[in-house]
N, C-alpha and C. Protein backbone atom coordinates (compact mmCIF):
# COMPACT_ATOMS: atom_id res chain seq x y z
N UNK A 1 72.25 104.96 136.47
CA UNK A 1 70.85 104.60 136.61
C UNK A 1 70.06 105.76 137.20
N UNK A 2 70.66 106.53 138.10
CA UNK A 2 69.95 107.64 138.72
C UNK A 2 69.55 108.68 137.67
N UNK A 3 70.40 108.90 136.66
CA UNK A 3 70.08 109.85 135.62
C UNK A 3 68.87 109.44 134.81
N UNK A 4 68.78 108.17 134.50
CA UNK A 4 67.63 107.66 133.75
C UNK A 4 66.38 107.77 134.59
N UNK A 5 66.47 107.40 135.84
CA UNK A 5 65.30 107.44 136.72
C UNK A 5 64.80 108.88 136.89
N UNK A 6 65.70 109.81 137.04
CA UNK A 6 65.27 111.20 137.24
C UNK A 6 64.66 111.78 135.96
N UNK A 7 65.01 111.22 134.81
CA UNK A 7 64.46 111.72 133.55
C UNK A 7 63.07 111.15 133.27
N UNK A 8 62.69 110.10 133.98
CA UNK A 8 61.39 109.47 133.78
C UNK A 8 60.33 110.26 134.54
N UNK A 9 59.20 110.43 133.91
CA UNK A 9 58.08 111.15 134.55
C UNK A 9 57.68 110.42 135.83
N UNK A 10 57.53 111.16 136.91
CA UNK A 10 57.12 110.58 138.19
C UNK A 10 55.61 110.40 138.20
N UNK A 11 55.17 109.20 138.47
CA UNK A 11 53.75 108.88 138.54
C UNK A 11 53.42 108.60 140.00
N UNK A 12 52.39 109.23 140.55
CA UNK A 12 52.05 108.99 141.95
C UNK A 12 51.57 107.56 142.15
N UNK A 13 51.77 107.04 143.32
CA UNK A 13 51.34 105.70 143.67
C UNK A 13 52.29 105.11 144.69
N UNK A 14 52.00 103.90 145.15
CA UNK A 14 52.82 103.32 146.21
C UNK A 14 54.28 103.13 145.80
N UNK A 15 54.53 102.83 144.55
CA UNK A 15 55.90 102.58 144.09
C UNK A 15 56.77 103.83 144.14
N UNK A 16 56.16 104.99 144.09
CA UNK A 16 56.94 106.22 144.09
C UNK A 16 57.62 106.46 145.44
N UNK A 17 57.22 105.73 146.46
CA UNK A 17 57.79 105.91 147.80
C UNK A 17 58.92 104.93 148.09
N UNK A 18 59.17 103.99 147.19
CA UNK A 18 60.16 102.95 147.44
C UNK A 18 61.41 103.20 146.63
N UNK A 19 62.55 102.94 147.25
CA UNK A 19 63.80 103.00 146.49
C UNK A 19 64.03 101.65 145.81
N UNK A 20 65.11 101.54 145.05
CA UNK A 20 65.37 100.31 144.30
C UNK A 20 65.52 99.10 145.22
N UNK A 21 66.19 99.27 146.36
CA UNK A 21 66.37 98.14 147.28
C UNK A 21 65.03 97.68 147.84
N UNK A 22 64.16 98.64 148.21
CA UNK A 22 62.84 98.27 148.70
C UNK A 22 62.06 97.51 147.63
N UNK A 23 62.08 98.03 146.42
CA UNK A 23 61.33 97.41 145.32
C UNK A 23 61.86 96.01 145.03
N UNK A 24 63.18 95.83 145.06
CA UNK A 24 63.76 94.50 144.84
C UNK A 24 63.30 93.52 145.92
N UNK A 25 63.32 93.98 147.17
CA UNK A 25 62.92 93.11 148.28
C UNK A 25 61.44 92.76 148.18
N UNK A 26 60.62 93.75 147.85
CA UNK A 26 59.18 93.50 147.70
C UNK A 26 58.93 92.46 146.61
N UNK A 27 59.61 92.60 145.47
CA UNK A 27 59.45 91.61 144.39
C UNK A 27 59.89 90.22 144.85
N UNK A 28 60.99 90.16 145.58
CA UNK A 28 61.48 88.87 146.07
C UNK A 28 60.47 88.21 147.02
N UNK A 29 59.95 88.99 147.96
CA UNK A 29 58.98 88.44 148.92
C UNK A 29 57.72 88.00 148.20
N UNK A 30 57.22 88.82 147.27
CA UNK A 30 56.01 88.45 146.54
C UNK A 30 56.23 87.23 145.65
N UNK A 31 57.43 87.09 145.08
CA UNK A 31 57.75 85.87 144.33
C UNK A 31 57.64 84.64 145.23
N UNK A 32 58.12 84.78 146.46
CA UNK A 32 58.11 83.66 147.40
C UNK A 32 56.71 83.34 147.90
N UNK A 33 56.02 84.34 148.44
CA UNK A 33 54.73 84.06 149.08
C UNK A 33 53.56 84.09 148.12
N UNK A 34 53.78 84.62 146.91
CA UNK A 34 52.69 84.73 145.96
C UNK A 34 52.65 83.65 144.91
N UNK A 35 53.62 82.73 144.94
CA UNK A 35 53.56 81.67 143.93
C UNK A 35 52.43 80.71 144.26
N UNK A 36 51.99 79.98 143.27
CA UNK A 36 50.77 79.18 143.44
C UNK A 36 50.87 78.15 144.56
N UNK A 37 52.03 77.57 144.75
CA UNK A 37 52.14 76.54 145.78
C UNK A 37 52.22 77.13 147.17
N UNK A 38 52.92 78.24 147.35
CA UNK A 38 53.01 78.86 148.67
C UNK A 38 51.63 79.29 149.16
N UNK A 39 50.84 79.88 148.28
CA UNK A 39 49.50 80.31 148.65
C UNK A 39 48.69 79.11 149.13
N UNK A 40 48.76 78.01 148.42
CA UNK A 40 47.99 76.82 148.80
C UNK A 40 48.52 76.17 150.07
N UNK A 41 49.84 76.13 150.24
CA UNK A 41 50.41 75.53 151.46
C UNK A 41 50.05 76.38 152.68
N UNK A 42 50.23 77.69 152.58
CA UNK A 42 49.90 78.57 153.71
C UNK A 42 48.41 78.43 154.05
N UNK A 43 47.56 78.44 153.05
CA UNK A 43 46.13 78.28 153.28
C UNK A 43 45.78 76.95 153.91
N UNK A 44 46.46 75.90 153.51
CA UNK A 44 46.20 74.57 154.06
C UNK A 44 46.67 74.47 155.50
N UNK A 45 47.74 75.16 155.84
CA UNK A 45 48.25 75.12 157.22
C UNK A 45 47.43 75.97 158.18
N UNK A 46 46.39 76.61 157.67
CA UNK A 46 45.51 77.41 158.54
C UNK A 46 44.96 76.55 159.69
N UNK A 47 44.65 75.30 159.42
CA UNK A 47 44.02 74.43 160.40
C UNK A 47 44.95 74.03 161.54
N UNK A 48 46.24 74.25 161.37
CA UNK A 48 47.20 73.86 162.41
C UNK A 48 48.27 72.96 161.83
N UNK A 49 49.10 72.38 162.71
CA UNK A 49 50.22 71.56 162.25
C UNK A 49 49.74 70.36 161.42
N UNK A 50 50.46 70.11 160.33
CA UNK A 50 50.14 68.96 159.48
C UNK A 50 51.42 68.22 159.13
N UNK A 51 51.27 66.93 158.94
CA UNK A 51 52.39 66.12 158.49
C UNK A 51 52.55 66.30 156.98
N UNK A 52 53.74 65.96 156.51
CA UNK A 52 54.07 66.10 155.09
C UNK A 52 53.04 65.37 154.22
N UNK A 53 52.75 64.12 154.56
CA UNK A 53 51.81 63.33 153.75
C UNK A 53 50.41 63.93 153.76
N UNK A 54 50.02 64.55 154.88
CA UNK A 54 48.72 65.20 154.93
C UNK A 54 48.68 66.39 153.97
N UNK A 55 49.79 67.11 153.89
CA UNK A 55 49.87 68.24 152.96
C UNK A 55 49.81 67.76 151.51
N UNK A 56 50.53 66.68 151.20
CA UNK A 56 50.52 66.14 149.83
C UNK A 56 49.10 65.80 149.42
N UNK A 57 48.36 65.16 150.32
CA UNK A 57 47.00 64.74 149.99
C UNK A 57 46.01 65.91 149.98
N UNK A 58 46.31 66.97 150.73
CA UNK A 58 45.38 68.09 150.84
C UNK A 58 45.51 69.10 149.69
N UNK A 59 46.64 69.07 148.98
CA UNK A 59 46.89 70.07 147.93
C UNK A 59 46.91 69.37 146.57
N UNK A 60 45.82 69.47 145.83
CA UNK A 60 45.74 68.78 144.54
C UNK A 60 46.82 69.25 143.57
N UNK A 61 47.48 68.29 142.95
CA UNK A 61 48.43 68.61 141.88
C UNK A 61 49.85 68.91 142.32
N UNK A 62 50.10 69.05 143.60
CA UNK A 62 51.46 69.38 144.03
C UNK A 62 52.32 68.12 144.03
N UNK A 63 53.51 68.24 143.47
CA UNK A 63 54.44 67.11 143.49
C UNK A 63 55.20 67.12 144.81
N UNK A 64 55.79 66.01 145.15
CA UNK A 64 56.56 65.94 146.38
C UNK A 64 57.74 66.91 146.33
N UNK A 65 58.35 67.04 145.17
CA UNK A 65 59.48 67.95 145.01
C UNK A 65 59.05 69.40 145.25
N UNK A 66 57.92 69.81 144.67
CA UNK A 66 57.45 71.19 144.83
C UNK A 66 57.01 71.46 146.27
N UNK A 67 56.40 70.47 146.90
CA UNK A 67 56.00 70.64 148.29
C UNK A 67 57.24 70.80 149.17
N UNK A 68 58.24 69.98 148.93
CA UNK A 68 59.49 70.07 149.71
C UNK A 68 60.13 71.44 149.53
N UNK A 69 60.26 71.90 148.28
CA UNK A 69 60.87 73.22 148.02
C UNK A 69 60.05 74.35 148.64
N UNK A 70 58.74 74.27 148.52
CA UNK A 70 57.87 75.31 149.06
C UNK A 70 57.99 75.38 150.58
N UNK A 71 57.98 74.21 151.23
CA UNK A 71 58.12 74.19 152.69
C UNK A 71 59.49 74.72 153.12
N UNK A 72 60.53 74.39 152.36
CA UNK A 72 61.86 74.92 152.68
C UNK A 72 61.88 76.44 152.56
N UNK A 73 61.29 76.97 151.50
CA UNK A 73 61.26 78.43 151.31
C UNK A 73 60.45 79.12 152.40
N UNK A 74 59.31 78.54 152.75
CA UNK A 74 58.49 79.13 153.81
C UNK A 74 59.23 79.13 155.14
N UNK A 75 59.99 78.06 155.40
CA UNK A 75 60.79 77.99 156.63
C UNK A 75 61.94 78.99 156.59
N UNK A 76 62.62 79.11 155.44
CA UNK A 76 63.72 80.07 155.29
C UNK A 76 63.27 81.49 155.57
N UNK A 77 62.04 81.81 155.17
CA UNK A 77 61.52 83.17 155.34
C UNK A 77 60.83 83.36 156.69
N UNK A 78 60.82 82.31 157.52
CA UNK A 78 60.23 82.42 158.85
C UNK A 78 58.72 82.35 158.87
N UNK A 79 58.13 81.81 157.80
CA UNK A 79 56.67 81.73 157.72
C UNK A 79 56.12 80.40 158.23
N UNK A 80 56.96 79.38 158.25
CA UNK A 80 56.54 78.06 158.71
C UNK A 80 57.69 77.42 159.48
N UNK A 81 57.32 76.48 160.35
CA UNK A 81 58.33 75.72 161.08
C UNK A 81 58.20 74.25 160.73
N UNK A 82 59.31 73.56 160.88
CA UNK A 82 59.37 72.10 160.68
C UNK A 82 59.79 71.52 162.02
N UNK A 83 58.93 70.65 162.57
CA UNK A 83 59.24 70.01 163.84
C UNK A 83 59.34 68.52 163.62
N UNK A 84 60.49 67.96 163.99
CA UNK A 84 60.73 66.53 163.84
C UNK A 84 60.64 65.88 165.22
N UNK A 85 59.85 64.82 165.32
CA UNK A 85 59.67 64.11 166.58
C UNK A 85 60.45 62.80 166.54
N UNK A 86 61.21 62.50 167.60
CA UNK A 86 62.02 61.28 167.63
C UNK A 86 61.17 60.04 167.91
N UNK A 87 60.44 59.63 166.90
CA UNK A 87 59.56 58.47 167.02
C UNK A 87 59.91 57.48 165.92
N UNK A 88 59.38 56.26 166.07
CA UNK A 88 59.55 55.27 165.01
C UNK A 88 58.15 54.89 164.55
N UNK A 89 57.82 55.15 163.29
CA UNK A 89 58.60 55.87 162.29
C UNK A 89 58.67 57.36 162.64
N UNK A 90 59.65 58.06 162.08
CA UNK A 90 59.81 59.48 162.39
C UNK A 90 58.56 60.26 161.98
N UNK A 91 58.24 61.26 162.79
CA UNK A 91 57.08 62.10 162.50
C UNK A 91 57.59 63.54 162.36
N UNK A 92 57.20 64.19 161.26
CA UNK A 92 57.57 65.58 161.01
C UNK A 92 56.29 66.36 160.76
N UNK A 93 56.17 67.51 161.41
CA UNK A 93 55.00 68.36 161.22
C UNK A 93 55.44 69.75 160.79
N UNK A 94 54.58 70.38 160.01
CA UNK A 94 54.80 71.74 159.55
C UNK A 94 53.69 72.61 160.10
N UNK A 95 54.06 73.83 160.49
CA UNK A 95 53.08 74.72 161.10
C UNK A 95 53.45 76.17 160.76
N UNK A 96 52.43 77.01 160.65
CA UNK A 96 52.68 78.42 160.41
C UNK A 96 53.25 79.07 161.67
N UNK A 97 54.19 79.97 161.49
CA UNK A 97 54.71 80.78 162.58
C UNK A 97 53.77 81.97 162.77
N UNK A 98 53.97 82.78 163.79
CA UNK A 98 53.16 84.00 163.91
C UNK A 98 53.28 84.88 162.65
N UNK A 99 54.47 84.95 162.07
CA UNK A 99 54.63 85.72 160.83
C UNK A 99 53.80 85.10 159.70
N UNK A 100 53.82 83.78 159.59
CA UNK A 100 53.01 83.09 158.59
C UNK A 100 51.52 83.29 158.82
N UNK A 101 51.11 83.28 160.09
CA UNK A 101 49.70 83.52 160.41
C UNK A 101 49.28 84.93 160.03
N UNK A 102 50.23 85.88 160.13
CA UNK A 102 49.89 87.26 159.76
C UNK A 102 49.64 87.39 158.26
N UNK A 103 50.15 86.45 157.48
CA UNK A 103 49.95 86.43 156.03
C UNK A 103 48.67 85.68 155.65
N UNK A 104 48.17 84.88 156.56
CA UNK A 104 47.07 83.96 156.27
C UNK A 104 45.82 84.65 155.72
N UNK A 105 45.37 85.73 156.34
CA UNK A 105 44.14 86.41 155.88
C UNK A 105 44.30 86.87 154.44
N UNK A 106 45.46 87.43 154.11
CA UNK A 106 45.71 87.91 152.75
C UNK A 106 45.69 86.75 151.76
N UNK A 107 46.33 85.65 152.13
CA UNK A 107 46.38 84.47 151.25
C UNK A 107 44.98 83.90 151.04
N UNK A 108 44.22 83.78 152.11
CA UNK A 108 42.86 83.23 151.98
C UNK A 108 41.96 84.16 151.17
N UNK A 109 42.12 85.47 151.35
CA UNK A 109 41.35 86.42 150.55
C UNK A 109 41.72 86.32 149.07
N UNK A 110 43.01 86.18 148.79
CA UNK A 110 43.47 86.05 147.41
C UNK A 110 42.92 84.77 146.77
N UNK A 111 42.98 83.66 147.50
CA UNK A 111 42.45 82.40 146.98
C UNK A 111 40.94 82.50 146.75
N UNK A 112 40.23 83.11 147.69
CA UNK A 112 38.77 83.27 147.54
C UNK A 112 38.45 84.15 146.33
N UNK A 113 39.23 85.21 146.12
CA UNK A 113 39.03 86.07 144.96
C UNK A 113 39.21 85.27 143.67
N UNK A 114 40.23 84.42 143.63
CA UNK A 114 40.48 83.60 142.43
C UNK A 114 39.31 82.66 142.17
N UNK A 115 38.79 82.04 143.21
CA UNK A 115 37.64 81.14 143.05
C UNK A 115 36.41 81.92 142.59
N UNK A 116 36.16 83.06 143.25
CA UNK A 116 34.97 83.86 142.91
C UNK A 116 35.00 84.37 141.47
N UNK A 117 36.18 84.63 140.94
CA UNK A 117 36.31 85.23 139.61
C UNK A 117 36.80 84.27 138.54
N UNK A 118 36.87 83.00 138.87
CA UNK A 118 37.39 81.99 137.95
C UNK A 118 36.66 81.99 136.61
N UNK A 119 35.35 81.92 136.65
CA UNK A 119 34.58 81.84 135.40
C UNK A 119 34.70 83.11 134.57
N UNK A 120 34.68 84.25 135.22
CA UNK A 120 34.82 85.51 134.50
C UNK A 120 36.18 85.61 133.81
N UNK A 121 37.21 85.27 134.53
CA UNK A 121 38.56 85.30 133.96
C UNK A 121 38.68 84.31 132.81
N UNK A 122 38.11 83.12 132.99
CA UNK A 122 38.15 82.11 131.94
C UNK A 122 37.44 82.61 130.68
N UNK A 123 36.31 83.28 130.85
CA UNK A 123 35.59 83.83 129.68
C UNK A 123 36.44 84.87 128.96
N UNK A 124 37.13 85.72 129.70
CA UNK A 124 38.01 86.73 129.08
C UNK A 124 39.16 86.06 128.33
N UNK A 125 39.71 85.03 128.91
CA UNK A 125 40.81 84.32 128.24
C UNK A 125 40.33 83.67 126.95
N UNK A 126 39.18 83.03 127.01
CA UNK A 126 38.65 82.37 125.82
C UNK A 126 38.30 83.38 124.73
N UNK A 127 37.82 84.54 125.12
CA UNK A 127 37.46 85.58 124.14
C UNK A 127 38.68 86.12 123.42
N UNK A 128 39.84 86.05 124.05
CA UNK A 128 41.06 86.60 123.47
C UNK A 128 41.87 85.55 122.68
N UNK A 129 41.45 84.29 122.78
CA UNK A 129 42.17 83.24 122.04
C UNK A 129 42.03 83.47 120.54
N UNK A 130 43.14 83.32 119.86
CA UNK A 130 43.15 83.48 118.41
C UNK A 130 43.02 82.11 117.79
N UNK A 131 42.07 81.93 116.85
CA UNK A 131 41.92 80.63 116.20
C UNK A 131 43.18 80.26 115.43
N UNK A 132 43.49 78.99 115.40
CA UNK A 132 44.71 78.52 114.72
C UNK A 132 44.57 78.57 113.22
């Protein structure tokens, strides 16, 4: 692989500073935090700890399965915590960690950009549609 890489023309930019392991890790992290549900969950947790049912109701279109998987992934990566309280009925809350809070501004900016540019992007998509 090194021979192929050295034969490829070097193009300046941020990627030119990363080795294969760095690039793989960056892709993995962006897959995790950049998917549509993670962005919405992180943005929703901005207000503070929320219960599972509050998250389900606050995020339009998310299934219980996707919310569960997303919360598990965010917890695995240290971006959110799950706190279970010994009450009847049991109460579980999810909250951003300091690491998750450090991602919050980026996530909110990305979501705001998507909202601000929604109509423009939709017009470009419609212009490129090929009639059947």
